[in-house]
Structure formats: C-alpha cells, structure tokens
Amino acid sequence: MTAVVRACLVALLALVAALLPVPGAVASGAGTGSIWVQVKSQSATPLPAGTWVDLVKVNAPQWTSDPQDVAVDGTYTFTGLEPGTYRLQAENNAVGGAWWPRAATYETASDIVVVAGSTTEVTMALGPTGNVAGTVLGPDGGPVSGIAVVAYSTTDDGFPSRSSRGAQTDAFGRYDIANIAPGTYKVEFLDPSGRLAGEFWNDTLTYQTATVVNVEASQVTTLGPTTLALPVSISQPGPVLPGAGTGTAAVITVAQRPRIVGRTRVGRTLRVRPGTWSPAAVNLTYQWFARGVAIERATTSTLRLTRALRGKRIQVQVTASRIGSMPVMAASPRTARIKPRR
C-alpha cells in the first residue's frame, strides 16, 4: 500500500468515525448537561444481564430517549441534555424495576436536576420483587380470559398511586402480576369488553373497602379465585377514589398508539412505548403476542426474545384503566420477523 493510499484510508476512517453516534448520547439532545447513573442490586453487587435505563423530562410530552442498556458495571451516561428536571427509570429482566431513587411509580420518584455544562451523578439499587397471582372466573364458574388485573400501590394516606403493575388473564383465567415492588396493594379486576362487572379484591365494589394485599420480596402472593358477575346496568357508575369528586368519570382515549422498540433478534429484549393517553393518569397493563397468540406470562413492559419466538412477528396490547372509567385497549404495529441469534 502506497503512502498516499494509506493516508487517504486513514482520512476516510476518521471521517466515518466522526459521523457515527457517540455511545451514551441522546440522539435528540442539543444541550450540554448530562446524567451519569449506576445501577446495582440492593447488596451492591452487579445485576444479571438485561438491565436498562430510561429518562423522561418532567412535564415533557415524550420520553427523552429510547431505553438504553447499561454497561457491565451498571453504568450509563445520558448526554446532550437541556437544563431542567428529569426522572429516571431502571429495570432488570430478572429483578424488576424502579424509579430513582427507589420509587414504584413516576409520580413518587424524585427529580434529578440537570445544569448546563455539568454532569449530575446518581446511583440506585434494584432489589428483589414479588408477584401477585390468581384466577378469574365468570358467573358460570368457568375461567375468563382477557380480564385486566391491576395492583395499585397504596400510600400512608390511603390513596393509590396513579401508576401500577398489572396483567391480563389467559385462556385458563390465570393472571400473574410480576416484578411488583414489596409493599401493600389493592387489586382491581376490569373487563375491557364490558360484559362483566368490575370489582376489587376481595369481592367489593369500592377501593375504600378493598382488602389490602401484602407483597413480599421473592414471594408469590396467591389470591383465591375471583368470580365476576354480570353488570347490573350499562350506566352503573364505577368505584370512586377516596376524596374524588362526584362528577362523571373521564372517558379514556388514546392519542398515539403504542410502539415497540428494540432489536428483533433472539437474545435481545423488546420494550414498549405505551403511547399517549387521555387523561394522562391512567394505569397500564400489557400482553405480548407472537403471530397473534398471547405469550404466556408476557405481561410486563419488556419481552425477552427466546428461540421459541424465532421467525415470528411480535405485537403488544396495552390496556389503559382508571378507577370509575371503562378500560380501553390499543395494540402496537407488528414487528419484523424475529431473527436468529448471531
């Protein structure tokens, strides 16, 4: 290779490198601030593979970036941030997730302040989570599929958080709400089709009278069978939150459909952007599908792509619910066919 050719090749490589995105950068960011985060387990040891972080600017209509996988040491740096306040979410496929510093919901998370030209450093720990499982039956005693089951995290004043964990019943009426932060919850059962009347655990119509369910780390809390009845009338009002007004419950609408992000390859993890809903304070549950068939136990906001999903197209259904309102479902577009592992 001549010196001229070598010089041209070096110049070309430098140009290509300059055009490539910088690892850790937020593609849409035009600011000069940054957030460095390190995620570990509660015992301060590295987490299993499959940990990602996400960032949202407070009062902004959209997420600041797509979910980002952390490095082996649990670190990631969001760059190109405008000054302001942000909230950070981290999740691990095996351990569960939380909002910084250790909150179950966006509403209860703490703000992270970003200043122009500086880096804000934060650390957070993800601990073991629990599950709530059970079955839902219809008036005839048979299993009912497609029922949205929502676990509302309670606070000291008795109000539920506006966000929650949830799942949908399968063909056998079974549900399993996974990755729930330890604490106390009240569980609601909703039929998106409106064929059956909703209720709270344990056989009550109101949040105020619902039985508190205790969730412990690394434990499955199994509830007894829940039997849903036929609605008394179509106009029957839904249960009302403590302290809520007596006006008509808001009708839930979807302004932007959910979408799936992530690489469609075996071994990777897909995540769902739940879309834009009105009112904004709705509770979301998820069900993933492969080739139109519901994937068993795939009821969280992420889906690990296994070999069984190779060659199939993936879709996720998001159900938005709100106490006192009829739940509404919206489905994402289907992905490309899942490619084999490299």
Protein backbone atom coordinates (compact mmCIF):
# COMPACT_ATOMS: atom_id res chain seq x y z
CA MET A 1 0.00 0.00 0.00
CA THR A 2 1.45 3.35 -1.01
CA ALA A 3 1.77 6.24 1.42
CA VAL A 4 -0.87 8.21 -0.49
CA VAL A 5 -3.40 5.39 -0.40
CA ARG A 6 -2.68 4.80 3.30
CA ALA A 7 -3.18 8.50 4.05
CA CYS A 8 -6.48 8.52 2.15
CA LEU A 9 -7.67 5.42 4.02
CA VAL A 10 -6.82 6.93 7.41
CA ALA A 11 -8.67 10.13 6.48
CA LEU A 12 -11.71 8.14 5.34
CA LEU A 13 -11.80 6.11 8.58
CA ALA A 14 -11.56 9.30 10.62
CA LEU A 15 -14.48 10.77 8.69
CA VAL A 16 -16.62 7.66 9.21
CA ALA A 17 -15.81 7.65 12.93
CA ALA A 18 -16.82 11.29 13.21
CA LEU A 19 -20.19 10.53 11.62
CA LEU A 20 -21.01 7.61 13.94
CA PRO A 21 -23.19 8.33 17.01
CA VAL A 22 -21.29 8.66 20.27
CA PRO A 23 -22.14 5.85 22.72
CA GLY A 24 -24.34 7.16 25.53
CA ALA A 25 -25.56 10.20 23.61
CA VAL A 26 -29.23 11.07 23.37
CA ALA A 27 -29.93 11.40 19.66
CA SER A 28 -32.31 14.33 20.01
CA GLY A 29 -30.34 16.14 22.71
CA ALA A 30 -28.94 19.54 21.89
CA GLY A 31 -27.99 20.63 25.41
CA THR A 32 -24.71 20.47 27.30
CA GLY A 33 -25.82 18.74 30.50
CA SER A 34 -25.56 15.04 31.32
CA ILE A 35 -26.65 12.41 33.84
CA TRP A 36 -24.37 9.55 34.90
CA VAL A 37 -26.19 6.67 36.54
CA GLN A 38 -25.02 3.42 38.10
CA VAL A 39 -27.50 0.63 38.81
CA LYS A 40 -26.69 -2.17 41.24
CA SER A 41 -28.52 -4.72 43.34
CA GLN A 42 -29.51 -3.93 46.92
CA SER A 43 -26.49 -5.92 48.09
CA ALA A 44 -24.25 -3.60 46.00
CA THR A 45 -23.32 -6.45 43.64
CA PRO A 46 -23.63 -6.32 39.84
CA LEU A 47 -27.06 -7.17 38.44
CA PRO A 48 -27.72 -10.03 36.00
CA ALA A 49 -27.62 -9.23 32.31
CA GLY A 50 -30.58 -7.34 30.91
CA THR A 51 -30.55 -4.03 32.81
CA TRP A 52 -31.70 -0.88 31.05
CA VAL A 53 -32.33 2.75 32.00
CA ASP A 54 -34.74 5.32 30.66
CA LEU A 55 -35.08 9.06 31.14
CA VAL A 56 -38.02 11.46 30.94
CA LYS A 57 -38.03 15.22 31.36
CA VAL A 58 -40.61 16.41 33.88
CA ASN A 59 -43.68 17.95 32.20
CA ALA A 60 -42.39 16.95 28.75
CA PRO A 61 -44.83 15.16 26.40
CA GLN A 62 -42.39 12.39 25.43
CA TRP A 63 -39.54 10.33 26.79
CA THR A 64 -36.10 11.91 26.45
CA SER A 65 -34.57 8.82 24.83
CA ASP A 66 -35.14 5.21 23.92
CA PRO A 67 -34.29 2.65 26.64
CA GLN A 68 -30.53 2.22 26.98
CA ASP A 69 -28.66 -0.91 28.10
CA VAL A 70 -26.15 -0.28 30.88
CA ALA A 71 -22.52 -1.36 30.76
CA VAL A 72 -21.20 -4.43 32.61
CA ASP A 73 -20.56 -2.28 35.71
CA GLY A 74 -24.16 -0.99 35.63
CA THR A 75 -23.30 2.50 34.36
CA TYR A 76 -24.70 4.67 31.61
CA THR A 77 -24.37 8.37 30.75
CA PHE A 78 -27.17 10.41 29.17
CA THR A 79 -25.60 13.34 27.32
CA GLY A 80 -26.87 16.27 25.30
CA LEU A 81 -29.47 17.18 27.91
CA GLU A 82 -31.15 20.55 28.20
CA PRO A 83 -31.18 22.17 31.68
CA GLY A 84 -34.19 21.14 33.77
CA THR A 85 -35.55 18.36 35.95
CA TYR A 86 -35.70 14.71 34.91
CA ARG A 87 -36.89 11.39 36.32
CA LEU A 88 -35.01 8.15 35.78
CA GLN A 89 -36.31 4.60 35.47
CA ALA A 90 -34.24 1.42 35.63
CA GLU A 91 -35.35 -2.16 35.08
CA ASN A 92 -33.80 -5.59 35.02
CA ASN A 93 -35.45 -8.52 33.26
CA ALA A 94 -34.97 -10.80 36.28
CA VAL A 95 -35.06 -8.41 39.26
CA GLY A 96 -37.70 -5.86 38.29
CA GLY A 97 -37.63 -2.10 38.09
CA ALA A 98 -37.89 1.15 39.99
CA TRP A 99 -37.77 4.91 39.58
CA TRP A 100 -34.88 6.83 41.11
CA PRO A 101 -34.02 6.59 43.91
CA ARG A 102 -36.31 3.68 44.95
CA ALA A 103 -39.86 4.54 43.92
CA ALA A 104 -42.52 2.31 42.43
CA THR A 105 -44.05 4.97 40.21
CA TYR A 106 -43.20 8.05 38.17
CA GLU A 107 -45.37 10.17 40.46
CA THR A 108 -43.46 9.17 43.59
CA ALA A 109 -39.99 9.40 42.01
CA SER A 110 -37.53 12.17 42.90
CA ASP A 111 -36.36 14.82 40.47
CA ILE A 112 -32.83 14.88 39.04
CA VAL A 113 -31.67 18.40 38.27
CA VAL A 114 -29.52 18.97 35.19
CA VAL A 115 -27.39 22.11 34.88
CA ALA A 116 -25.86 23.25 31.59
CA GLY A 117 -22.27 22.16 31.14
CA SER A 118 -22.18 19.78 34.11
CA THR A 119 -22.79 16.11 34.90
CA THR A 120 -25.23 15.00 37.61
CA GLU A 121 -24.25 11.64 39.13
CA VAL A 122 -26.82 9.32 40.71
CA THR A 123 -26.83 5.72 41.89
CA MET A 124 -29.75 3.41 42.51
CA ALA A 125 -30.35 -0.14 43.68
CA LEU A 126 -32.83 -2.66 42.34
CA GLY A 127 -33.98 -5.22 44.83
CA PRO A 128 -35.95 -8.45 44.66
CA THR A 129 -39.62 -8.07 43.80
CA GLY A 130 -42.73 -10.14 44.35
CA ASN A 131 -45.70 -11.44 42.36
CA VAL A 132 -49.47 -11.43 42.76
CA ALA A 133 -51.22 -14.37 41.09
CA GLY A 134 -54.66 -15.95 40.95
CA THR A 135 -57.58 -16.86 38.69
CA VAL A 136 -60.71 -15.09 37.47
CA LEU A 137 -63.99 -16.91 36.91
CA GLY A 138 -67.24 -15.89 35.23
CA PRO A 139 -70.82 -16.17 36.53
CA ASP A 140 -70.97 -19.78 35.31
CA GLY A 141 -67.83 -20.72 37.25
CA GLY A 142 -65.70 -21.08 34.14
CA PRO A 143 -62.38 -19.26 33.53
CA VAL A 144 -62.47 -15.84 31.86
CA SER A 145 -59.69 -14.60 29.59
CA GLY A 146 -58.74 -11.01 28.82
CA ILE A 147 -59.57 -9.58 32.26
CA ALA A 148 -57.27 -6.70 33.25
CA VAL A 149 -55.95 -7.16 36.79
CA VAL A 150 -54.35 -4.06 38.29
CA ALA A 151 -52.42 -3.81 41.58
CA TYR A 152 -52.50 -0.26 42.97
CA SER A 153 -49.64 0.63 45.29
CA THR A 154 -51.06 2.28 48.40
CA THR A 155 -49.54 5.17 50.38
CA ASP A 156 -49.77 6.20 54.01
CA ASP A 157 -52.82 8.38 53.41
CA GLY A 158 -54.76 5.57 51.79
CA PHE A 159 -54.67 6.86 48.22
CA PRO A 160 -53.43 4.64 45.39
CA SER A 161 -50.59 5.80 43.20
CA ARG A 162 -51.58 6.82 39.69
CA SER A 163 -49.28 4.18 38.21
CA SER A 164 -49.42 0.48 38.91
CA ARG A 165 -48.49 -3.00 37.86
CA GLY A 166 -50.91 -5.23 36.03
CA ALA A 167 -51.54 -8.28 33.90
CA GLN A 168 -54.28 -9.92 31.85
CA THR A 169 -55.85 -13.32 32.38
CA ASP A 170 -55.02 -16.08 29.94
CA ALA A 171 -57.31 -18.68 28.38
CA PHE A 172 -57.47 -20.50 31.73
CA GLY A 173 -58.39 -17.36 33.67
CA ARG A 174 -54.94 -17.18 35.25
CA TYR A 175 -53.00 -13.98 35.90
CA ASP A 176 -49.54 -13.33 37.31
CA ILE A 177 -48.50 -9.75 38.01
CA ALA A 178 -44.71 -9.88 38.09
CA ASN A 179 -41.94 -7.56 39.30
CA ILE A 180 -44.01 -5.79 41.98
CA ALA A 181 -42.03 -3.77 44.50
CA PRO A 182 -42.55 -5.06 48.06
CA GLY A 183 -45.35 -3.20 49.83
CA THR A 184 -49.13 -3.06 50.20
CA TYR A 185 -51.56 -3.04 47.30
CA LYS A 186 -55.23 -3.11 46.42
CA VAL A 187 -56.18 -5.21 43.39
CA GLU A 188 -58.89 -4.35 40.86
CA PHE A 189 -60.42 -6.62 38.19
CA LEU A 190 -61.71 -4.98 34.98
CA ASP A 191 -63.36 -6.42 31.88
CA PRO A 192 -62.34 -4.29 28.86
CA SER A 193 -65.29 -5.68 26.87
CA GLY A 194 -67.80 -4.51 29.48
CA ARG A 195 -69.51 -7.93 29.58
CA LEU A 196 -68.74 -8.44 33.27
CA ALA A 197 -68.85 -6.01 36.17
CA GLY A 198 -65.54 -4.99 37.70
CA GLU A 199 -64.65 -5.32 41.35
CA PHE A 200 -61.82 -5.12 43.86
CA TRP A 201 -60.27 -7.89 45.89
CA ASN A 202 -61.90 -9.33 47.95
CA ASP A 203 -65.45 -9.21 46.46
CA THR A 204 -66.10 -5.50 46.93
CA LEU A 205 -67.04 -2.66 44.56
CA THR A 206 -65.02 0.19 46.05
CA TYR A 207 -61.38 0.97 46.58
CA GLN A 208 -62.14 2.13 50.11
CA THR A 209 -63.44 -1.29 51.16
CA ALA A 210 -60.93 -3.37 49.21
CA THR A 211 -58.75 -5.82 51.11
CA VAL A 212 -55.08 -4.86 51.33
CA VAL A 213 -52.71 -7.35 49.70
CA ASN A 214 -49.19 -7.58 51.11
CA VAL A 215 -46.39 -8.28 48.61
CA GLU A 216 -43.06 -9.57 49.90
CA ALA A 217 -39.73 -9.80 48.10
CA SER A 218 -39.09 -13.04 46.21
CA GLN A 219 -42.54 -14.35 47.13
CA VAL A 220 -45.70 -15.07 45.13
CA THR A 221 -48.86 -13.83 46.83
CA THR A 222 -51.65 -16.09 45.56
CA LEU A 223 -55.18 -14.76 45.82
CA GLY A 224 -58.20 -17.03 45.84
CA PRO A 225 -60.47 -17.32 42.79
CA THR A 226 -62.30 -14.09 41.89
CA THR A 227 -65.77 -14.51 40.40
CA LEU A 228 -67.06 -11.61 38.31
CA ALA A 229 -70.80 -11.03 37.95
CA LEU A 230 -72.90 -9.64 35.14
CA PRO A 231 -73.26 -5.84 35.32
CA VAL A 232 -76.44 -4.52 36.94
CA SER A 233 -76.81 -1.96 34.17
CA ILE A 234 -74.67 -0.36 31.50
CA SER A 235 -74.91 3.00 33.26
CA GLN A 236 -73.78 1.65 36.62
CA PRO A 237 -71.12 4.05 37.97
CA GLY A 238 -67.70 2.68 38.72
CA PRO A 239 -65.97 2.84 42.10
CA VAL A 240 -64.62 6.21 43.17
CA LEU A 241 -61.26 7.06 44.71
CA PRO A 242 -61.17 8.44 48.27
CA GLY A 243 -61.66 12.19 48.12
CA ALA A 244 -62.62 12.19 44.43
CA GLY A 245 -65.47 14.31 43.12
CA THR A 246 -68.89 13.00 42.19
CA GLY A 247 -68.76 14.08 38.54
CA THR A 248 -68.89 11.77 35.54
CA ALA A 249 -65.78 9.63 35.14
CA ALA A 250 -63.47 10.63 32.30
CA VAL A 251 -63.63 8.63 29.07
CA ILE A 252 -60.23 7.14 28.24
CA THR A 253 -58.93 7.80 24.74
CA VAL A 254 -55.64 7.01 23.00
CA ALA A 255 -53.99 9.80 21.01
CA GLN A 256 -50.87 7.86 19.97
CA ARG A 257 -50.69 4.09 19.58
CA PRO A 258 -48.14 2.02 21.50
CA ARG A 259 -44.95 1.09 19.66
CA ILE A 260 -42.24 -1.50 20.18
CA VAL A 261 -38.58 -0.56 20.39
CA GLY A 262 -35.52 -2.82 20.38
CA ARG A 263 -33.68 -5.23 18.09
CA THR A 264 -35.76 -8.07 16.69
CA ARG A 265 -33.22 -10.81 17.29
CA VAL A 266 -33.20 -13.85 19.61
CA GLY A 267 -31.48 -12.99 22.87
CA ARG A 268 -32.44 -9.31 22.75
CA THR A 269 -35.18 -7.54 24.72
CA LEU A 270 -38.08 -5.63 23.23
CA ARG A 271 -39.70 -2.77 25.13
CA VAL A 272 -42.97 -0.97 24.61
CA ARG A 273 -43.57 2.74 24.43
CA PRO A 274 -47.15 2.76 25.78
CA GLY A 275 -48.39 5.64 23.63
CA THR A 276 -50.21 8.80 24.65
CA TRP A 277 -53.46 8.53 26.62
CA SER A 278 -56.08 10.98 27.82
CA PRO A 279 -56.42 11.56 30.67
CA ALA A 280 -52.72 11.07 31.37
CA ALA A 281 -53.29 9.50 34.80
CA VAL A 282 -54.22 6.00 33.64
CA ASN A 283 -52.97 2.60 34.75
CA LEU A 284 -51.38 0.46 32.06
CA THR A 285 -51.20 -3.31 31.69
CA TYR A 286 -49.53 -5.29 28.91
CA GLN A 287 -49.94 -8.51 26.94
CA TRP A 288 -47.45 -9.59 24.28
CA PHE A 289 -48.44 -11.68 21.25
CA ALA A 290 -46.46 -13.82 18.80
CA ARG A 291 -48.14 -14.48 15.47
CA GLY A 292 -51.44 -13.37 17.03
CA VAL A 293 -51.26 -15.78 20.00
CA ALA A 294 -50.82 -14.44 23.54
CA ILE A 295 -47.42 -15.31 25.04
CA GLU A 296 -47.83 -16.90 28.45
CA ARG A 297 -46.62 -14.73 31.36
CA ALA A 298 -45.55 -11.95 28.95
CA THR A 299 -47.39 -9.19 30.79
CA THR A 300 -44.74 -6.57 31.56
CA SER A 301 -43.41 -3.64 29.53
CA THR A 302 -40.49 -5.75 28.24
CA LEU A 303 -40.19 -9.04 26.35
CA ARG A 304 -37.08 -11.21 26.20
CA LEU A 305 -36.83 -12.84 22.77
CA THR A 306 -36.31 -16.59 23.14
CA ARG A 307 -35.59 -19.21 20.49
CA ALA A 308 -39.28 -20.17 20.52
CA LEU A 309 -40.08 -16.74 19.03
CA ARG A 310 -37.68 -17.06 16.10
CA GLY A 311 -39.36 -16.28 12.78
CA LYS A 312 -42.47 -14.82 14.42
CA ARG A 313 -43.77 -11.25 14.35
CA ILE A 314 -44.40 -9.66 17.75
CA GLN A 315 -47.18 -7.34 18.86
CA VAL A 316 -48.14 -5.90 22.24
CA GLN A 317 -51.56 -4.90 23.51
CA VAL A 318 -51.76 -2.11 26.10
CA THR A 319 -54.84 -1.73 28.29
CA ALA A 320 -55.43 1.64 29.96
CA SER A 321 -57.68 1.70 33.01
CA ARG A 322 -58.78 4.25 35.55
CA ILE A 323 -60.99 3.74 38.55
CA GLY A 324 -64.51 4.69 37.55
CA SER A 325 -63.86 4.52 33.77
CA MET A 326 -64.21 1.78 31.19
CA PRO A 327 -60.78 0.36 30.25
CA VAL A 328 -59.56 0.85 26.68
CA MET A 329 -57.14 -1.32 24.69
CA ALA A 330 -54.70 -0.33 21.93
CA ALA A 331 -52.29 -2.57 20.01
CA SER A 332 -48.90 -1.72 18.57
CA PRO A 333 -47.88 -2.41 14.98
CA ARG A 334 -46.29 -5.81 14.48
CA THR A 335 -42.51 -6.11 14.37
CA ALA A 336 -40.45 -7.67 11.63
CA ARG A 337 -39.86 -11.42 11.97
CA ILE A 338 -37.54 -12.31 14.82
CA LYS A 339 -34.07 -13.14 13.53
CA PRO A 340 -31.88 -15.97 14.88
CA ARG A 341 -29.16 -15.27 17.41
CA ARG A 342 -25.85 -14.26 15.85
